[in-house]
């Protein structure tokens, strides 16, 4: 006889476990939903969700531009002359009685004046005016004047005679020389003055005393000499 051996196929136990877990999750979810409905947690969660806000943009109304104001016509001003009233000048007539405001005063006797005393004033004698130098016609030289002929006057052919008024002091020196009559050339006149200032005169004596005198001297310039 032949023996029959029966082999049983191996069972897979993983499938029932997964199903059990999924069923348990579904049951737990239903329980949680039921709990939330009982305690109002679902409504509170819905209220916490952000609300949708709808915004619409409104354009501002267009502003109508007002027309410019019409120019106001200017009125011409007329000058009005106001007559100035003439006020007559009235002189108030005030009559003052003759007997009012009259004050009589008695004049005081004049004070005795002292007798005039003749003052003796001594006047100093006026200083005597200095005596004017005596003017003489002739003059004598201790050293005669020697005039230098200006070279420019020679080239230009200038000639002439110079008359000089000389103030001679007590020592016979010429203190001041003035041209009394010109030769017609300034160069010749200056040369004559320099020659007189270099000259030495003989002092003029009067009663044995030397005096300051005014003398006249003449110097001639000639190309032929």
Protein backbone atom coordinates (compact mmCIF):
# COMPACT_ATOMS: atom_id res chain seq x y z
CA UNK A 1 0.00 0.00 0.00
CA UNK A 2 1.09 3.23 -0.74
CA UNK A 3 1.02 5.95 1.91
CA UNK A 4 -0.33 9.40 1.07
CA UNK A 5 1.34 12.36 2.63
CA UNK A 6 -0.61 15.56 2.87
CA UNK A 7 1.31 18.77 2.83
CA UNK A 8 -0.46 21.85 4.14
CA UNK A 9 0.32 25.13 2.53
CA UNK A 10 1.92 27.66 4.89
CA UNK A 11 -0.45 30.40 6.12
CA UNK A 12 0.38 34.04 5.79
CA UNK A 13 -0.28 35.83 9.10
CA UNK A 14 0.89 39.26 8.00
CA UNK A 15 -2.33 40.10 6.12
CA UNK A 16 -4.68 39.84 9.07
CA UNK A 17 -2.40 42.09 11.21
CA UNK A 18 -2.47 44.89 8.71
CA UNK A 19 -6.17 44.74 8.38
CA UNK A 20 -6.57 44.81 12.11
CA UNK A 21 -4.39 47.91 12.30
CA UNK A 22 -6.35 49.68 9.58
CA UNK A 23 -9.65 48.82 11.23
CA UNK A 24 -8.33 50.07 14.54
CA UNK A 25 -7.26 53.36 12.90
CA UNK A 26 -10.68 53.85 11.34
CA UNK A 27 -12.38 53.14 14.64
CA UNK A 28 -10.07 55.58 16.42
CA UNK A 29 -10.79 58.25 13.81
CA UNK A 30 -14.53 57.86 14.24
CA UNK A 31 -14.16 58.01 17.97
CA UNK A 32 -12.10 61.18 17.71
CA UNK A 33 -14.63 62.75 15.35
CA UNK A 34 -17.44 61.86 17.67
CA UNK A 35 -15.54 63.30 20.62
CA UNK A 36 -14.88 66.51 18.71
CA UNK A 37 -18.53 66.88 17.81
CA UNK A 38 -19.55 66.31 21.41
CA UNK A 39 -17.19 68.93 22.83
CA UNK A 40 -17.42 71.58 20.00
CA UNK A 41 -13.78 71.30 18.99
CA UNK A 42 -14.60 71.03 15.32
CA UNK A 43 -16.63 74.25 15.36
CA UNK A 44 -13.84 76.04 17.14
CA UNK A 45 -11.35 74.83 14.54
CA UNK A 46 -13.61 76.01 11.73
CA UNK A 47 -13.88 79.43 13.36
CA UNK A 48 -10.09 79.70 13.61
CA UNK A 49 -9.69 79.33 9.87
CA UNK A 50 -8.97 82.64 8.11
CA UNK A 51 -12.00 84.28 6.56
CA UNK A 52 -11.96 85.31 2.96
CA UNK A 53 -11.96 89.09 2.53
CA UNK A 54 -13.11 90.55 -0.75
CA UNK A 55 -11.61 93.96 -1.57
CA UNK A 56 -12.79 96.20 -4.34
CA UNK A 57 -10.84 99.23 -5.53
CA UNK A 58 -12.96 102.34 -5.92
CA UNK A 59 -11.61 105.04 -8.22
CA UNK A 60 -11.85 108.59 -6.83
CA UNK A 61 -14.30 110.82 -8.67
CA UNK A 62 -12.76 113.06 -11.27
CA UNK A 63 -12.41 116.66 -10.11
CA UNK A 64 -13.79 119.11 -12.55
CA UNK A 65 -11.50 122.06 -13.15
CA UNK A 66 -13.26 125.33 -12.49
CA UNK A 67 -12.96 128.01 -15.15
CA UNK A 68 -10.69 130.96 -14.19
CA UNK A 69 -12.52 133.94 -12.71
CA UNK A 70 -13.37 136.71 -15.06
CA UNK A 71 -11.18 139.80 -14.71
CA UNK A 72 -12.86 142.58 -12.81
CA UNK A 73 -12.84 145.80 -14.84
CA UNK A 74 -10.93 148.59 -13.14
CA UNK A 75 -12.81 151.74 -12.49
CA UNK A 76 -11.11 155.04 -12.99
CA UNK A 77 -10.81 157.02 -9.80
CA UNK A 78 -11.70 160.63 -10.03
CA UNK A 79 -10.00 163.07 -7.74
CA UNK A 80 -12.39 165.20 -5.82
CA UNK A 81 -11.12 168.49 -4.52
CA UNK A 82 -12.52 169.25 -1.12
CA UNK A 83 -12.73 172.99 -0.53
CA UNK A 84 -10.81 174.06 2.54
CA UNK A 85 -12.93 176.25 4.74
CA UNK A 86 -11.44 179.64 5.33
CA UNK A 87 -11.45 180.50 8.99
CA UNK A 88 -11.31 184.23 9.55
CA UNK A 89 -8.60 185.38 11.89
CA UNK A 90 -10.29 186.85 14.91
CA UNK A 91 -8.24 189.01 17.22
CA UNK A 92 -9.70 188.78 20.70
CA UNK A 93 -10.30 192.15 22.17
CA UNK A 94 -9.35 192.15 25.81
CA UNK A 95 -9.96 195.24 27.79
CA UNK A 96 -7.74 195.62 30.82
CA UNK A 97 -8.79 198.20 33.31
CA UNK A 98 -6.27 200.89 33.86
CA UNK A 99 -6.30 200.49 37.61
CA UNK A 100 -5.74 196.73 37.62
CA UNK A 101 -2.28 195.11 37.85
CA UNK A 102 -0.51 198.35 38.56
CA UNK A 103 2.36 197.84 40.97
CA UNK A 104 4.13 200.83 42.38
CA UNK A 105 7.68 200.25 43.48
CA UNK A 106 9.88 202.63 45.33
CA UNK A 107 13.31 202.89 43.85
CA UNK A 108 16.14 202.16 46.25
CA UNK A 109 18.60 204.96 46.79
CA UNK A 110 21.71 204.57 44.66
CA UNK A 111 24.67 203.05 46.39
CA UNK A 112 27.52 205.42 47.01
CA UNK A 113 30.19 204.97 44.39
CA UNK A 114 33.82 205.16 45.42
CA UNK A 115 35.73 208.12 44.26
CA UNK A 116 37.68 207.44 41.09
CA UNK A 117 41.32 206.82 41.67
CA UNK A 118 43.63 207.98 39.00
CA UNK A 119 45.67 205.03 37.94
CA UNK A 120 49.17 205.68 36.93
CA UNK A 121 50.05 203.60 33.96
CA UNK A 122 53.61 203.48 32.93
CA UNK A 123 53.97 202.95 29.22
CA UNK A 124 57.12 201.36 27.98
CA UNK A 125 58.82 203.33 25.27
CA UNK A 126 58.20 201.97 21.81
CA UNK A 127 61.18 200.30 20.26
CA UNK A 128 62.92 202.51 17.83
CA UNK A 129 62.46 201.51 14.23
CA UNK A 130 65.61 200.20 12.68
CA UNK A 131 67.35 202.76 10.59
CA UNK A 132 67.18 202.19 6.87
CA UNK A 133 70.52 201.58 5.17
CA UNK A 134 71.90 204.64 3.50
CA UNK A 135 71.95 204.54 -0.28
CA UNK A 136 75.15 205.66 -1.98
CA UNK A 137 75.87 206.21 -5.62
CA UNK A 138 79.58 205.33 -5.79
CA UNK A 139 81.07 202.09 -4.53
CA UNK A 140 84.66 201.02 -4.14
CA UNK A 141 85.98 197.48 -4.38
CA UNK A 142 88.66 195.72 -2.42
CA UNK A 143 88.24 192.81 -4.83
CA UNK A 144 86.39 193.70 -7.99
CA UNK A 145 83.73 191.28 -9.32
CA UNK A 146 84.84 188.95 -12.09
CA UNK A 147 81.85 187.57 -13.99
CA UNK A 148 82.08 184.28 -15.87
CA UNK A 149 80.58 184.51 -19.34
CA UNK A 150 78.07 181.65 -19.70
CA UNK A 151 79.12 179.26 -22.47
CA UNK A 152 75.55 178.96 -23.78
CA UNK A 153 75.30 182.77 -23.97
CA UNK A 154 78.53 182.87 -25.98
CA UNK A 155 77.23 180.27 -28.44
CA UNK A 156 73.93 182.12 -28.79
CA UNK A 157 75.66 185.52 -29.04
CA UNK A 158 73.98 187.04 -26.01
CA UNK A 159 75.30 190.40 -24.79
CA UNK A 160 74.03 193.05 -22.38
CA UNK A 161 74.43 195.16 -19.29
CA UNK A 162 73.07 194.20 -15.83
CA UNK A 163 72.35 196.82 -13.18
CA UNK A 164 72.26 195.39 -9.64
CA UNK A 165 71.09 196.72 -6.28
CA UNK A 166 73.49 195.47 -3.60
CA UNK A 167 73.18 195.53 0.21
CA UNK A 168 76.73 195.88 1.60
CA UNK A 169 77.27 195.28 5.33
CA UNK A 170 79.85 196.87 7.67
CA UNK A 171 82.47 194.28 6.65
CA UNK A 172 82.17 195.09 2.96
CA UNK A 173 80.34 191.88 1.99
CA UNK A 174 77.30 191.72 -0.23
CA UNK A 175 74.40 190.34 1.81
CA UNK A 176 71.63 190.72 -0.77
CA UNK A 177 71.70 191.28 -4.53
CA UNK A 178 68.65 192.16 -6.67
CA UNK A 179 68.45 192.77 -10.40
CA UNK A 180 67.43 196.39 -10.91
CA UNK A 181 67.69 196.35 -14.70
CA UNK A 182 67.98 193.12 -16.66
CA UNK A 183 70.26 192.49 -19.62
CA UNK A 184 67.50 190.58 -21.40
CA UNK A 185 69.04 187.17 -20.66
CA UNK A 186 68.44 185.23 -17.48
CA UNK A 187 71.79 183.48 -17.83
CA UNK A 188 73.68 186.82 -17.94
CA UNK A 189 71.67 188.16 -14.97
CA UNK A 190 72.50 185.15 -12.82
CA UNK A 191 76.17 185.29 -13.75
CA UNK A 192 76.28 188.97 -12.71
CA UNK A 193 74.65 188.22 -9.34
CA UNK A 194 77.17 185.46 -8.60
CA UNK A 195 80.07 187.80 -9.46
CA UNK A 196 78.79 190.52 -7.09
CA UNK A 197 78.34 188.04 -4.23
CA UNK A 198 81.98 186.96 -4.63
CA UNK A 199 83.31 190.52 -4.68
CA UNK A 200 84.59 192.41 -1.58
CA UNK A 201 83.58 196.04 -1.14
CA UNK A 202 85.35 198.75 0.78
CA UNK A 203 83.31 199.44 3.94
CA UNK A 204 81.50 202.74 3.93
CA UNK A 205 82.67 204.92 6.84
CA UNK A 206 80.75 207.80 8.34
CA UNK A 207 82.31 209.66 11.29
CA UNK A 208 84.82 206.85 11.51
CA UNK A 209 82.12 204.18 11.81
CA UNK A 210 81.36 201.50 9.23
CA UNK A 211 77.73 201.46 8.08
CA UNK A 212 75.51 199.14 6.08
CA UNK A 213 74.70 200.81 2.79
CA UNK A 214 72.84 200.11 -0.44
CA UNK A 215 74.94 200.54 -3.55
CA UNK A 216 74.35 200.16 -7.26
CA UNK A 217 76.72 198.07 -9.38
CA UNK A 218 76.79 197.50 -13.14
CA UNK A 219 78.31 194.52 -14.97
CA UNK A 220 78.54 194.40 -18.77
CA UNK A 221 78.82 191.32 -20.98
CA UNK A 222 80.37 191.80 -24.41
CA UNK A 223 81.70 189.17 -26.82
CA UNK A 224 84.25 191.60 -28.26
CA UNK A 225 86.01 192.19 -24.95
